[in-house]
Amino acid sequence: MNKEDLKDIPVELFEFATDTNADNEVLQGTSLTFWQDAKMRFKKNRAAVISSFVLLAILVLAVTAPWLGAYHNTVTTFDGQLDPNYIGQYQDVENKFITPFTSQEFNYEVDGQTETKSKMFIFGTDDKGRDLYVRTMVGALVSIGFGLIAAVIDLFIGVTLGAISGYHGGKMDMFLQRLVEILGSVPNLIWVMMIIVFVGAGLLPLIMALVISGWIPMYRMVRAQVMRIKEQEYVLSARTLGQTDMGIIFKHILPNCMGVIIIWLMFSIPSAIFFESFMSFLGLGITAPVPSLGTLASNGKDFLRTQPYILFAPSVVLSAIMLSFNLIADGLRDAFDPKMRGGDDE
C-alpha cells in the first residue's frame, strides 16, 4: 500500500492511541519533608518508641514521688515529726527496715486528732527508715536533670565553638584545636578532684568539669560537619549575595547539621547521667541528704548481704534510664542519618 491509497481511507476508521504510561507518571502518596520522614522512620523503630514511653513513665513517677512522701503537712510517725532533710521518711523505732511491697501502719496527727493509716512501701525502706521508692524516684529526677544540664552545656559551647572553628578555619581553628587537645588530655575525674579541692564536693564540681571539657565531643562533631557543608554551592551562593558569616552559619549550615546534633545530644545525656552517678557513688558528687541514684547505690552496697533491695532499686532505675536514652538515640540515628537509609523498612 502506497501513500495514494492511504488518502482514500476515511479518517473515522483511525483510533488515536492513548498514553498507557500516564498513570505511572502521577506521584503516588504525599510528599514528606525531612522532619516528617524522620518522624515516620522513628515510629517504625519499636525499641525506640517503647523506650520513649518507659522514660516518660519514669519522669512522671519522679515528678509525682515527693507528694507520696507524706499524707499531710503535719504528719508524724512513731519517731516524731518528719525530718525535712529526709524525703519520704516513715521511721519505726523498733524496725527501720521494711521489705518491698509491705504495708505498715502509722499514727498521724491531723488537726489535733490522731489517725492510723496504712502505707505501702513499694521499694521498702533504707537503714534510716526512709521510703526508698520516693528517694529513688527523686534521685532519678536529680540524675536526669543533671543529664539535661550537661546537654545544654554541650549544645551551647560545643555547637558555637565548633561552628566558628569549622567555618573560619585559619588561626582561630588552630587555637581552638590546641585548646581542645590540652583540655581533652586531662580525664574528667582529674578535673572533678581538682575542683573539689577548692570548692568542696557536690553538684558544682561536676557541672564545672562539664564546662571545662564535657563539650569537646560535640565540638569535634560540629566542626567536621561545618567544614564539609561550607563547601556546598548554596553556601557559596549565600556568600556571593552578601550574607554575613553569622547568617550563613545559623541560617544555612547549622540547620543542615541538626539531625546529627540531636543524635549526639541524645547520646551525651546518658553519658552525663552515668558520670554523675559514678562520681556520687565514689562520694565525689552529690552528697547526702540529697538523693541521687549514685548516692543511693553507694548506701545500698553496705547492706548487700542483708537488705539487697536497697542496692537493686536505684540500680535497676538507673539501668532503665540509660538503656531508654540509648535506644532512643539509636532510633534517632536511624531516622536522621542518611547513611542508614540503604533500604526501606519492612
C-alpha atoms as a PDB file:
ATOM      1  CA  MET A   1       0.000   0.000   0.000  1.00  0.00           C
ATOM      2  CA  ASN A   2       1.398   3.345  -1.079  1.00  0.00           C
ATOM      3  CA  LYS A   3       0.666   6.882   0.084  1.00  0.00           C
ATOM      4  CA  GLU A   4      -2.003   7.458  -2.562  1.00  0.00           C
ATOM      5  CA  ASP A   5      -4.048   4.537  -1.278  1.00  0.00           C
ATOM      6  CA  LEU A   6      -3.928   5.903   2.292  1.00  0.00           C
ATOM      7  CA  LYS A   7      -5.642   9.109   1.162  1.00  0.00           C
ATOM      8  CA  ASP A   8      -8.801   7.203   0.280  1.00  0.00           C
ATOM      9  CA  ILE A   9      -9.228   5.684   3.789  1.00  0.00           C
ATOM     10  CA  PRO A  10     -11.796   7.584   5.911  1.00  0.00           C
ATOM     11  CA  VAL A  11     -10.452   9.354   8.963  1.00  0.00           C
ATOM     12  CA  GLU A  12     -13.226   7.888  11.170  1.00  0.00           C
ATOM     13  CA  LEU A  13     -11.568   4.470  10.911  1.00  0.00           C
ATOM     14  CA  PHE A  14      -8.468   5.692  12.689  1.00  0.00           C
ATOM     15  CA  GLU A  15      -8.350   5.340  16.538  1.00  0.00           C
ATOM     16  CA  PHE A  16      -5.898   7.533  18.344  1.00  0.00           C
ATOM     17  CA  ALA A  17      -3.716   5.624  20.786  1.00  0.00           C
ATOM     18  CA  THR A  18      -3.881   6.553  24.483  1.00  0.00           C
ATOM     19  CA  ASP A  19      -0.851   7.016  26.696  1.00  0.00           C
ATOM     20  CA  THR A  20      -0.843   3.878  28.837  1.00  0.00           C
ATOM     21  CA  ASN A  21       2.053   5.208  30.952  1.00  0.00           C
ATOM     22  CA  ALA A  22       0.251   8.363  32.035  1.00  0.00           C
ATOM     23  CA  ASP A  23      -0.830   6.841  35.350  1.00  0.00           C
ATOM     24  CA  ASN A  24       2.720   5.812  36.104  1.00  0.00           C
ATOM     25  CA  GLU A  25       3.887   9.416  35.939  1.00  0.00           C
ATOM     26  CA  VAL A  26       1.496  10.553  38.682  1.00  0.00           C
ATOM     27  CA  LEU A  27       3.071  10.912  42.134  1.00  0.00           C
ATOM     28  CA  GLN A  28       1.871   8.193  44.475  1.00  0.00           C
ATOM     29  CA  GLY A  29       1.320   9.274  48.109  1.00  0.00           C
ATOM     30  CA  THR A  30       2.074  12.583  49.774  1.00  0.00           C
ATOM     31  CA  SER A  31       5.354  14.459  49.702  1.00  0.00           C
ATOM     32  CA  LEU A  32       7.216  14.362  53.038  1.00  0.00           C
ATOM     33  CA  THR A  33       9.644  16.870  54.462  1.00  0.00           C
ATOM     34  CA  PHE A  34      12.902  15.784  56.088  1.00  0.00           C
ATOM     35  CA  TRP A  35      11.431  16.000  59.602  1.00  0.00           C
ATOM     36  CA  GLN A  36       8.226  14.202  58.620  1.00  0.00           C
ATOM     37  CA  ASP A  37      10.254  11.398  57.059  1.00  0.00           C
ATOM     38  CA  ALA A  38      12.439  11.176  60.173  1.00  0.00           C
ATOM     39  CA  LYS A  39       9.342  11.033  62.397  1.00  0.00           C
ATOM     40  CA  MET A  40       7.873   8.239  60.296  1.00  0.00           C
ATOM     41  CA  ARG A  41      11.093   6.234  60.457  1.00  0.00           C
ATOM     42  CA  PHE A  42      11.393   6.780  64.215  1.00  0.00           C
ATOM     43  CA  LYS A  43       7.883   5.424  64.776  1.00  0.00           C
ATOM     44  CA  LYS A  44       8.839   2.241  62.925  1.00  0.00           C
ATOM     45  CA  ASN A  45      11.584   1.586  65.481  1.00  0.00           C
ATOM     46  CA  ARG A  46       9.672  -0.297  68.166  1.00  0.00           C
ATOM     47  CA  ALA A  47      12.528  -0.330  70.666  1.00  0.00           C
ATOM     48  CA  ALA A  48      12.878   3.463  70.478  1.00  0.00           C
ATOM     49  CA  VAL A  49       9.129   4.033  70.820  1.00  0.00           C
ATOM     50  CA  ILE A  50       8.835   1.689  73.822  1.00  0.00           C
ATOM     51  CA  SER A  51      11.877   3.341  75.405  1.00  0.00           C
ATOM     52  CA  SER A  52      10.209   6.733  74.969  1.00  0.00           C
ATOM     53  CA  PHE A  53       7.164   5.551  76.926  1.00  0.00           C
ATOM     54  CA  VAL A  54       9.365   3.959  79.612  1.00  0.00           C
ATOM     55  CA  LEU A  55      11.344   7.180  80.021  1.00  0.00           C
ATOM     56  CA  LEU A  56       8.146   9.231  80.109  1.00  0.00           C
ATOM     57  CA  ALA A  57       6.719   6.933  82.808  1.00  0.00           C
ATOM     58  CA  ILE A  58       9.870   7.315  84.918  1.00  0.00           C
ATOM     59  CA  LEU A  59       9.682  11.100  84.579  1.00  0.00           C
ATOM     60  CA  VAL A  60       6.028  11.145  85.643  1.00  0.00           C
ATOM     61  CA  LEU A  61       6.752   8.920  88.649  1.00  0.00           C
ATOM     62  CA  ALA A  62       9.783  11.022  89.569  1.00  0.00           C
ATOM     63  CA  VAL A  63       7.815  14.276  89.456  1.00  0.00           C
ATOM     64  CA  THR A  64       4.899  12.903  91.486  1.00  0.00           C
ATOM     65  CA  ALA A  65       7.007  10.934  94.010  1.00  0.00           C
ATOM     66  CA  PRO A  66       7.609  13.787  96.512  1.00  0.00           C
ATOM     67  CA  TRP A  67       3.843  14.103  97.072  1.00  0.00           C
ATOM     68  CA  LEU A  68       3.801  10.463  98.167  1.00  0.00           C
ATOM     69  CA  GLY A  69       6.270  11.175 100.977  1.00  0.00           C
ATOM     70  CA  ALA A  70       3.606  12.398 103.394  1.00  0.00           C
ATOM     71  CA  TYR A  71      -0.168  12.417 103.697  1.00  0.00           C
ATOM     72  CA  HIS A  72      -0.326  15.809 105.407  1.00  0.00           C
ATOM     73  CA  ASN A  73       1.917  18.715 106.254  1.00  0.00           C
ATOM     74  CA  THR A  74       1.744  17.844 109.982  1.00  0.00           C
ATOM     75  CA  VAL A  75       2.350  14.118 109.604  1.00  0.00           C
ATOM     76  CA  THR A  76       4.136  12.426 112.500  1.00  0.00           C
ATOM     77  CA  THR A  77       5.419   8.885 112.952  1.00  0.00           C
ATOM     78  CA  PHE A  78       6.435   6.794 115.926  1.00  0.00           C
ATOM     79  CA  ASP A  79       9.711   8.744 115.866  1.00  0.00           C
ATOM     80  CA  GLY A  80       8.116  12.208 115.911  1.00  0.00           C
ATOM     81  CA  GLN A  81       7.929  14.939 113.286  1.00  0.00           C
ATOM     82  CA  LEU A  82       9.221  14.195 109.817  1.00  0.00           C
ATOM     83  CA  ASP A  83      12.750  15.493 109.231  1.00  0.00           C
ATOM     84  CA  PRO A  84      12.649  17.827 106.177  1.00  0.00           C
ATOM     85  CA  ASN A  85      16.122  16.645 105.128  1.00  0.00           C
ATOM     86  CA  TYR A  86      14.867  13.109 104.527  1.00  0.00           C
ATOM     87  CA  ILE A  87      12.408  12.786 101.705  1.00  0.00           C
ATOM     88  CA  GLY A  88       9.695  10.198 102.376  1.00  0.00           C
ATOM     89  CA  GLN A  89      10.663   9.338 105.927  1.00  0.00           C
ATOM     90  CA  TYR A  90       8.487   6.783 107.736  1.00  0.00           C
ATOM     91  CA  GLN A  91      10.512   5.755 110.759  1.00  0.00           C
ATOM     92  CA  ASP A  92       9.617   2.986 113.122  1.00  0.00           C
ATOM     93  CA  VAL A  93      11.930   2.807 116.122  1.00  0.00           C
ATOM     94  CA  GLU A  94      11.518  -0.951 116.505  1.00  0.00           C
ATOM     95  CA  ASN A  95      12.098  -1.848 112.825  1.00  0.00           C
ATOM     96  CA  LYS A  96      13.588   0.673 110.421  1.00  0.00           C
ATOM     97  CA  PHE A  97      13.995  -1.858 107.602  1.00  0.00           C
ATOM     98  CA  ILE A  98      10.738  -2.607 105.809  1.00  0.00           C
ATOM     99  CA  THR A  99      10.896  -5.044 102.917  1.00  0.00           C
ATOM    100  CA  PRO A 100       9.455  -4.087  99.498  1.00  0.00           C
ATOM    101  CA  PHE A 101       5.691  -4.358  98.892  1.00  0.00           C
ATOM    102  CA  THR A 102       4.985  -4.442 102.618  1.00  0.00           C
ATOM    103  CA  SER A 103       2.302  -2.354 104.300  1.00  0.00           C
ATOM    104  CA  GLN A 104       2.930  -0.640 107.622  1.00  0.00           C
ATOM    105  CA  GLU A 105       0.502   1.197 109.900  1.00  0.00           C
ATOM    106  CA  PHE A 106       1.457   4.606 111.293  1.00  0.00           C
ATOM    107  CA  ASN A 107      -0.169   7.100 113.631  1.00  0.00           C
ATOM    108  CA  TYR A 108      -0.802  10.528 112.128  1.00  0.00           C
ATOM    109  CA  GLU A 109      -1.680  13.718 113.922  1.00  0.00           C
ATOM    110  CA  VAL A 110      -4.054  15.739 111.741  1.00  0.00           C
ATOM    111  CA  ASP A 111      -5.669  18.884 113.166  1.00  0.00           C
ATOM    112  CA  GLY A 112      -5.002  17.745 116.718  1.00  0.00           C
ATOM    113  CA  GLN A 113      -6.523  14.278 116.190  1.00  0.00           C
ATOM    114  CA  THR A 114      -4.587  11.030 115.900  1.00  0.00           C
ATOM    115  CA  GLU A 115      -5.374   8.850 112.923  1.00  0.00           C
ATOM    116  CA  THR A 116      -3.996   5.464 111.885  1.00  0.00           C
ATOM    117  CA  LYS A 117      -3.276   4.871 108.205  1.00  0.00           C
ATOM    118  CA  SER A 118      -1.581   2.103 106.280  1.00  0.00           C
ATOM    119  CA  LYS A 119       1.341   2.855 103.950  1.00  0.00           C
ATOM    120  CA  MET A 120       2.579   0.536 101.193  1.00  0.00           C
ATOM    121  CA  PHE A 121       6.369   0.632 100.714  1.00  0.00           C
ATOM    122  CA  ILE A 122       6.917  -0.367  97.083  1.00  0.00           C
ATOM    123  CA  PHE A 123      10.736  -0.467  97.306  1.00  0.00           C
ATOM    124  CA  GLY A 124      10.894  -0.886 101.080  1.00  0.00           C
ATOM    125  CA  THR A 125      12.863   1.412 103.390  1.00  0.00           C
ATOM    126  CA  ASP A 126      16.563   2.057 103.918  1.00  0.00           C
ATOM    127  CA  ASP A 127      18.631   1.911 107.100  1.00  0.00           C
ATOM    128  CA  LYS A 128      17.094   5.161 108.383  1.00  0.00           C
ATOM    129  CA  GLY A 129      13.515   4.091 107.746  1.00  0.00           C
ATOM    130  CA  ARG A 130      13.118   6.329 104.681  1.00  0.00           C
ATOM    131  CA  ASP A 131      10.786   5.398 101.848  1.00  0.00           C
ATOM    132  CA  LEU A 132      13.164   4.008  99.228  1.00  0.00           C
ATOM    133  CA  TYR A 133      10.654   4.398  96.389  1.00  0.00           C
ATOM    134  CA  VAL A 134      10.300   8.134  96.980  1.00  0.00           C
ATOM    135  CA  ARG A 135      14.047   8.643  97.344  1.00  0.00           C
ATOM    136  CA  THR A 136      14.798   6.563  94.254  1.00  0.00           C
ATOM    137  CA  MET A 137      12.339   8.499  92.098  1.00  0.00           C
ATOM    138  CA  VAL A 138      13.615  11.845  93.383  1.00  0.00           C
ATOM    139  CA  GLY A 139      17.168  10.613  92.762  1.00  0.00           C
ATOM    140  CA  ALA A 140      16.185   9.704  89.210  1.00  0.00           C
ATOM    141  CA  LEU A 141      14.830  13.227  88.727  1.00  0.00           C
ATOM    142  CA  VAL A 142      18.111  14.685  90.025  1.00  0.00           C
ATOM    143  CA  SER A 143      20.184  12.479  87.712  1.00  0.00           C
ATOM    144  CA  ILE A 144      18.030  13.219  84.663  1.00  0.00           C
ATOM    145  CA  GLY A 145      18.173  16.937  85.489  1.00  0.00           C
ATOM    146  CA  PHE A 146      21.952  16.748  85.593  1.00  0.00           C
ATOM    147  CA  GLY A 147      21.958  14.986  82.225  1.00  0.00           C
ATOM    148  CA  LEU A 148      19.824  17.760  80.734  1.00  0.00           C
ATOM    149  CA  ILE A 149      22.192  20.392  82.158  1.00  0.00           C
ATOM    150  CA  ALA A 150      25.078  18.579  80.505  1.00  0.00           C
ATOM    151  CA  ALA A 151      23.148  18.516  77.217  1.00  0.00           C
ATOM    152  CA  VAL A 152      22.570  22.281  77.371  1.00  0.00           C
ATOM    153  CA  ILE A 153      26.285  22.871  78.044  1.00  0.00           C
ATOM    154  CA  ASP A 154      27.261  20.600  75.135  1.00  0.00           C
ATOM    155  CA  LEU A 155      24.753  22.288  72.865  1.00  0.00           C
ATOM    156  CA  PHE A 156      25.727  25.864  73.683  1.00  0.00           C
ATOM    157  CA  ILE A 157      29.528  25.641  73.951  1.00  0.00           C
ATOM    158  CA  GLY A 158      30.251  22.738  71.602  1.00  0.00           C
ATOM    159  CA  VAL A 159      27.980  23.837  68.762  1.00  0.00           C
ATOM    160  CA  THR A 160      29.016  27.507  68.935  1.00  0.00           C
ATOM    161  CA  LEU A 161      32.766  26.918  69.034  1.00  0.00           C
ATOM    162  CA  GLY A 162      32.567  24.031  66.566  1.00  0.00           C
ATOM    163  CA  ALA A 163      30.659  26.131  64.024  1.00  0.00           C
ATOM    164  CA  ILE A 164      33.016  29.097  64.347  1.00  0.00           C
ATOM    165  CA  SER A 165      36.140  26.922  64.167  1.00  0.00           C
ATOM    166  CA  GLY A 166      34.948  24.867  61.197  1.00  0.00           C
ATOM    167  CA  TYR A 167      33.697  27.838  59.202  1.00  0.00           C
ATOM    168  CA  HIS A 168      36.532  30.345  59.672  1.00  0.00           C
ATOM    169  CA  GLY A 169      39.493  27.984  59.966  1.00  0.00           C
ATOM    170  CA  GLY A 170      42.899  29.602  59.989  1.00  0.00           C
ATOM    171  CA  LYS A 171      44.418  30.855  63.238  1.00  0.00           C
ATOM    172  CA  MET A 172      41.134  30.634  65.139  1.00  0.00           C
ATOM    173  CA  ASP A 173      40.720  26.978  64.228  1.00  0.00           C
ATOM    174  CA  MET A 174      44.350  26.303  65.122  1.00  0.00           C
ATOM    175  CA  PHE A 175      43.922  27.949  68.539  1.00  0.00           C
ATOM    176  CA  LEU A 176      40.702  26.076  69.358  1.00  0.00           C
ATOM    177  CA  GLN A 177      42.181  22.778  68.215  1.00  0.00           C
ATOM    178  CA  ARG A 178      45.195  23.169  70.506  1.00  0.00           C
ATOM    179  CA  LEU A 179      42.892  24.222  73.374  1.00  0.00           C
ATOM    180  CA  VAL A 180      40.729  21.141  72.854  1.00  0.00           C
ATOM    181  CA  GLU A 181      43.778  18.881  72.817  1.00  0.00           C
ATOM    182  CA  ILE A 182      45.005  20.341  76.113  1.00  0.00           C
ATOM    183  CA  LEU A 183      41.634  20.151  77.878  1.00  0.00           C
ATOM    184  CA  GLY A 184      40.791  16.737  76.441  1.00  0.00           C
ATOM    185  CA  SER A 185      44.089  15.211  77.553  1.00  0.00           C
ATOM    186  CA  VAL A 186      43.019  15.504  81.216  1.00  0.00           C
ATOM    187  CA  PRO A 187      40.287  12.998  82.290  1.00  0.00           C
ATOM    188  CA  ASN A 188      37.080  14.380  83.778  1.00  0.00           C
ATOM    189  CA  LEU A 189      37.829  12.586  87.047  1.00  0.00           C
ATOM    190  CA  ILE A 190      41.003  14.630  87.461  1.00  0.00           C
ATOM    191  CA  TRP A 191      39.112  17.860  86.761  1.00  0.00           C
ATOM    192  CA  VAL A 192      36.497  16.954  89.377  1.00  0.00           C
ATOM    193  CA  MET A 193      39.105  16.152  92.021  1.00  0.00           C
ATOM    194  CA  MET A 194      40.990  19.386  91.325  1.00  0.00           C
ATOM    195  CA  ILE A 195      37.784  21.435  91.634  1.00  0.00           C
ATOM    196  CA  ILE A 196      36.747  19.638  94.843  1.00  0.00           C
ATOM    197  CA  VAL A 197      39.986  20.791  96.455  1.00  0.00           C
ATOM    198  CA  PHE A 198      38.854  24.412  96.034  1.00  0.00           C
ATOM    199  CA  VAL A 199      35.042  24.332  96.262  1.00  0.00           C
ATOM    200  CA  GLY A 200      34.309  21.033  98.030  1.00  0.00           C
ATOM    201  CA  ALA A 201      32.219  18.032  96.960  1.00  0.00           C
ATOM    202  CA  GLY A 202      28.767  18.433  95.492  1.00  0.00           C
ATOM    203  CA  LEU A 203      26.970  19.123  92.259  1.00  0.00           C
ATOM    204  CA  LEU A 204      29.021  22.227  91.423  1.00  0.00           C
ATOM    205  CA  PRO A 205      32.306  20.368  90.692  1.00  0.00           C
ATOM    206  CA  LEU A 206      30.515  18.059  88.252  1.00  0.00           C
ATOM    207  CA  ILE A 207      28.969  20.985  86.379  1.00  0.00           C
ATOM    208  CA  MET A 208      32.291  22.843  86.291  1.00  0.00           C
ATOM    209  CA  ALA A 209      34.024  19.747  84.914  1.00  0.00           C
ATOM    210  CA  LEU A 210      31.453  19.629  82.096  1.00  0.00           C
ATOM    211  CA  VAL A 211      32.012  23.326  81.391  1.00  0.00           C
ATOM    212  CA  ILE A 212      35.756  22.677  81.115  1.00  0.00           C
ATOM    213  CA  SER A 213      35.845  19.574  78.936  1.00  0.00           C
ATOM    214  CA  GLY A 214      32.406  17.952  78.555  1.00  0.00           C
ATOM    215  CA  TRP A 215      31.615  19.854  75.329  1.00  0.00           C
ATOM    216  CA  ILE A 216      34.660  18.588  73.415  1.00  0.00           C
ATOM    217  CA  PRO A 217      32.971  15.608  71.603  1.00  0.00           C
ATOM    218  CA  MET A 218      30.151  17.870  70.414  1.00  0.00           C
ATOM    219  CA  TYR A 219      32.680  20.482  69.273  1.00  0.00           C
ATOM    220  CA  ARG A 220      34.605  17.990  67.174  1.00  0.00           C
ATOM    221  CA  MET A 221      31.485  16.609  65.530  1.00  0.00           C
ATOM    222  CA  VAL A 222      30.054  20.042  64.671  1.00  0.00           C
ATOM    223  CA  ARG A 223      33.422  21.250  63.358  1.00  0.00           C
ATOM    224  CA  ALA A 224      33.687  18.286  60.990  1.00  0.00           C
ATOM    225  CA  GLN A 225      30.120  18.793  59.729  1.00  0.00           C
ATOM    226  CA  VAL A 226      30.600  22.535  59.180  1.00  0.00           C
ATOM    227  CA  MET A 227      33.867  22.016  57.274  1.00  0.00           C
ATOM    228  CA  ARG A 228      32.043  19.642  54.921  1.00  0.00           C
ATOM    229  CA  ILE A 229      28.901  21.733  54.416  1.00  0.00           C
ATOM    230  CA  LYS A 230      30.595  25.111  53.934  1.00  0.00           C
ATOM    231  CA  GLU A 231      31.931  23.939  50.553  1.00  0.00           C
ATOM    232  CA  GLN A 232      28.432  23.348  49.174  1.00  0.00           C
ATOM    233  CA  GLU A 233      27.063  25.502  46.328  1.00  0.00           C
ATOM    234  CA  TYR A 234      24.220  27.070  48.318  1.00  0.00           C
ATOM    235  CA  VAL A 235      26.712  28.379  50.903  1.00  0.00           C
ATOM    236  CA  LEU A 236      28.784  29.942  48.107  1.00  0.00           C
ATOM    237  CA  SER A 237      25.626  31.494  46.676  1.00  0.00           C
ATOM    238  CA  ALA A 238      24.676  32.988  50.051  1.00  0.00           C
ATOM    239  CA  ARG A 239      28.180  34.419  50.427  1.00  0.00           C
ATOM    240  CA  THR A 240      28.030  35.883  46.919  1.00  0.00           C
ATOM    241  CA  LEU A 241      24.695  37.571  47.681  1.00  0.00           C
ATOM    242  CA  GLY A 242      26.286  39.360  50.633  1.00  0.00           C
ATOM    243  CA  GLN A 243      25.070  37.196  53.531  1.00  0.00           C
ATOM    244  CA  THR A 244      27.112  37.698  56.715  1.00  0.00           C
ATOM    245  CA  ASP A 245      29.193  34.898  58.176  1.00  0.00           C
ATOM    246  CA  MET A 246      26.929  34.521  61.227  1.00  0.00           C
ATOM    247  CA  GLY A 247      23.887  34.479  58.970  1.00  0.00           C
ATOM    248  CA  ILE A 248      25.409  31.741  56.808  1.00  0.00           C
ATOM    249  CA  ILE A 249      26.316  29.685  59.889  1.00  0.00           C
ATOM    250  CA  PHE A 250      22.959  29.911  61.675  1.00  0.00           C
ATOM    251  CA  LYS A 251      20.652  30.029  58.632  1.00  0.00           C
ATOM    252  CA  HIS A 252      22.301  27.699  56.132  1.00  0.00           C
ATOM    253  CA  ILE A 253      24.900  25.457  57.806  1.00  0.00           C
ATOM    254  CA  LEU A 254      23.640  24.588  61.305  1.00  0.00           C
ATOM    255  CA  PRO A 255      20.065  23.734  60.150  1.00  0.00           C
ATOM    256  CA  ASN A 256      21.616  21.090  57.896  1.00  0.00           C
ATOM    257  CA  CYS A 257      23.518  19.695  60.896  1.00  0.00           C
ATOM    258  CA  MET A 258      20.520  19.492  63.235  1.00  0.00           C
ATOM    259  CA  GLY A 259      19.944  15.780  62.674  1.00  0.00           C
ATOM    260  CA  VAL A 260      23.486  14.849  63.692  1.00  0.00           C
ATOM    261  CA  ILE A 261      23.463  17.364  66.557  1.00  0.00           C
ATOM    262  CA  ILE A 262      20.274  15.853  68.003  1.00  0.00           C
ATOM    263  CA  ILE A 263      21.741  12.358  67.767  1.00  0.00           C
ATOM    264  CA  TRP A 264      24.922  13.341  69.620  1.00  0.00           C
ATOM    265  CA  LEU A 265      22.865  15.287  72.137  1.00  0.00           C
ATOM    266  CA  MET A 266      20.786  12.227  72.996  1.00  0.00           C
ATOM    267  CA  PHE A 267      23.911  10.090  73.392  1.00  0.00           C
ATOM    268  CA  SER A 268      25.510  12.689  75.686  1.00  0.00           C
ATOM    269  CA  ILE A 269      22.614  12.635  78.184  1.00  0.00           C
ATOM    270  CA  PRO A 270      23.057   9.004  79.382  1.00  0.00           C
ATOM    271  CA  SER A 271      26.830   9.504  79.468  1.00  0.00           C
ATOM    272  CA  ALA A 272      26.390  12.506  81.762  1.00  0.00           C
ATOM    273  CA  ILE A 273      23.897  10.603  83.950  1.00  0.00           C
ATOM    274  CA  PHE A 274      26.344   7.739  84.387  1.00  0.00           C
ATOM    275  CA  PHE A 275      29.173  10.201  85.090  1.00  0.00           C
ATOM    276  CA  GLU A 276      27.154  11.885  87.841  1.00  0.00           C
ATOM    277  CA  SER A 277      26.049   8.556  89.339  1.00  0.00           C
ATOM    278  CA  PHE A 278      29.592   7.192  89.311  1.00  0.00           C
ATOM    279  CA  MET A 279      31.024  10.321  90.948  1.00  0.00           C
ATOM    280  CA  SER A 280      28.256  10.312  93.558  1.00  0.00           C
ATOM    281  CA  PHE A 281      28.856   6.616  94.209  1.00  0.00           C
ATOM    282  CA  LEU A 282      32.501   7.436  94.970  1.00  0.00           C
ATOM    283  CA  GLY A 283      31.469  10.327  97.224  1.00  0.00           C
ATOM    284  CA  LEU A 284      32.799  12.998  94.839  1.00  0.00           C
ATOM    285  CA  GLY A 285      29.450  14.190  93.519  1.00  0.00           C
ATOM    286  CA  ILE A 286      26.077  14.816  95.116  1.00  0.00           C
ATOM    287  CA  THR A 287      26.165  14.083  98.839  1.00  0.00           C
ATOM    288  CA  ALA A 288      23.500  13.168 101.409  1.00  0.00           C
ATOM    289  CA  PRO A 289      20.849  14.060 102.352  1.00  0.00           C
ATOM    290  CA  VAL A 290      20.088  14.987  98.718  1.00  0.00           C
ATOM    291  CA  PRO A 291      19.073  11.720  96.999  1.00  0.00           C
ATOM    292  CA  SER A 292      20.842  10.638  93.832  1.00  0.00           C
ATOM    293  CA  LEU A 293      20.947   7.267  92.147  1.00  0.00           C
ATOM    294  CA  GLY A 294      24.686   7.165  92.801  1.00  0.00           C
ATOM    295  CA  THR A 295      24.403   8.021  96.497  1.00  0.00           C
ATOM    296  CA  LEU A 296      21.543   5.530  96.952  1.00  0.00           C
ATOM    297  CA  ALA A 297      23.601   2.780  95.332  1.00  0.00           C
ATOM    298  CA  SER A 298      26.591   3.719  97.484  1.00  0.00           C
ATOM    299  CA  ASN A 299      24.444   3.431 100.611  1.00  0.00           C
ATOM    300  CA  GLY A 300      22.928   0.154  99.411  1.00  0.00           C
ATOM    301  CA  LYS A 301      26.257  -1.581  98.912  1.00  0.00           C
ATOM    302  CA  ASP A 302      26.764  -1.639 102.689  1.00  0.00           C
ATOM    303  CA  PHE A 303      23.610  -3.753 103.104  1.00  0.00           C
ATOM    304  CA  LEU A 304      24.046  -6.028 100.080  1.00  0.00           C
ATOM    305  CA  ARG A 305      24.044  -9.234 102.138  1.00  0.00           C
ATOM    306  CA  THR A 306      21.153  -8.429 104.476  1.00  0.00           C
ATOM    307  CA  GLN A 307      18.921  -5.984 102.509  1.00  0.00           C
ATOM    308  CA  PRO A 308      19.966  -6.283  98.833  1.00  0.00           C
ATOM    309  CA  TYR A 309      16.858  -4.408  97.639  1.00  0.00           C
ATOM    310  CA  ILE A 310      18.437  -1.141  98.866  1.00  0.00           C
ATOM    311  CA  LEU A 311      21.077  -1.516  96.150  1.00  0.00           C
ATOM    312  CA  PHE A 312      18.904  -3.153  93.487  1.00  0.00           C
ATOM    313  CA  ALA A 313      16.168  -0.483  93.426  1.00  0.00           C
ATOM    314  CA  PRO A 314      18.324   2.515  92.340  1.00  0.00           C
ATOM    315  CA  SER A 315      20.497   0.286  90.146  1.00  0.00           C
ATOM    316  CA  VAL A 316      17.515  -1.005  88.154  1.00  0.00           C
ATOM    317  CA  VAL A 317      16.095   2.508  87.710  1.00  0.00           C
ATOM    318  CA  LEU A 318      19.494   3.833  86.592  1.00  0.00           C
ATOM    319  CA  SER A 319      19.861   0.983  84.093  1.00  0.00           C
ATOM    320  CA  ALA A 320      16.358   1.599  82.732  1.00  0.00           C
ATOM    321  CA  ILE A 321      17.056   5.324  82.259  1.00  0.00           C
ATOM    322  CA  MET A 322      20.371   4.789  80.485  1.00  0.00           C
ATOM    323  CA  LEU A 323      19.006   1.987  78.297  1.00  0.00           C
ATOM    324  CA  SER A 324      15.985   4.097  77.313  1.00  0.00           C
ATOM    325  CA  PHE A 325      18.106   7.087  76.341  1.00  0.00           C
ATOM    326  CA  ASN A 326      20.485   4.926  74.304  1.00  0.00           C
ATOM    327  CA  LEU A 327      17.683   3.157  72.445  1.00  0.00           C
ATOM    328  CA  ILE A 328      16.008   6.493  71.691  1.00  0.00           C
ATOM    329  CA  ALA A 329      19.329   7.828  70.406  1.00  0.00           C
ATOM    330  CA  ASP A 330      19.709   4.741  68.192  1.00  0.00           C
ATOM    331  CA  GLY A 331      16.228   5.325  66.806  1.00  0.00           C
ATOM    332  CA  LEU A 332      17.015   8.967  66.064  1.00  0.00           C
ATOM    333  CA  ARG A 333      20.267   7.965  64.380  1.00  0.00           C
ATOM    334  CA  ASP A 334      18.435   5.559  62.088  1.00  0.00           C
ATOM    335  CA  ALA A 335      15.865   8.265  61.321  1.00  0.00           C
ATOM    336  CA  PHE A 336      18.226  11.176  60.698  1.00  0.00           C
ATOM    337  CA  ASP A 337      21.440   9.658  59.353  1.00  0.00           C
ATOM    338  CA  PRO A 338      21.245   9.325  55.540  1.00  0.00           C
ATOM    339  CA  LYS A 339      23.845   6.568  55.606  1.00  0.00           C
ATOM    340  CA  MET A 340      21.351   4.338  57.452  1.00  0.00           C
ATOM    341  CA  ARG A 341      18.797   4.645  54.624  1.00  0.00           C
ATOM    342  CA  GLY A 342      20.159   1.930  52.377  1.00  0.00           C
ATOM    343  CA  GLY A 343      16.830   0.134  52.162  1.00  0.00           C
ATOM    344  CA  ASP A 344      13.236   0.686  53.108  1.00  0.00           C
ATOM    345  CA  ASP A 345      11.972  -0.647  56.378  1.00  0.00           C
ATOM    346  CA  GLU A 346       9.948  -3.801  56.160  1.00  0.00           C
END
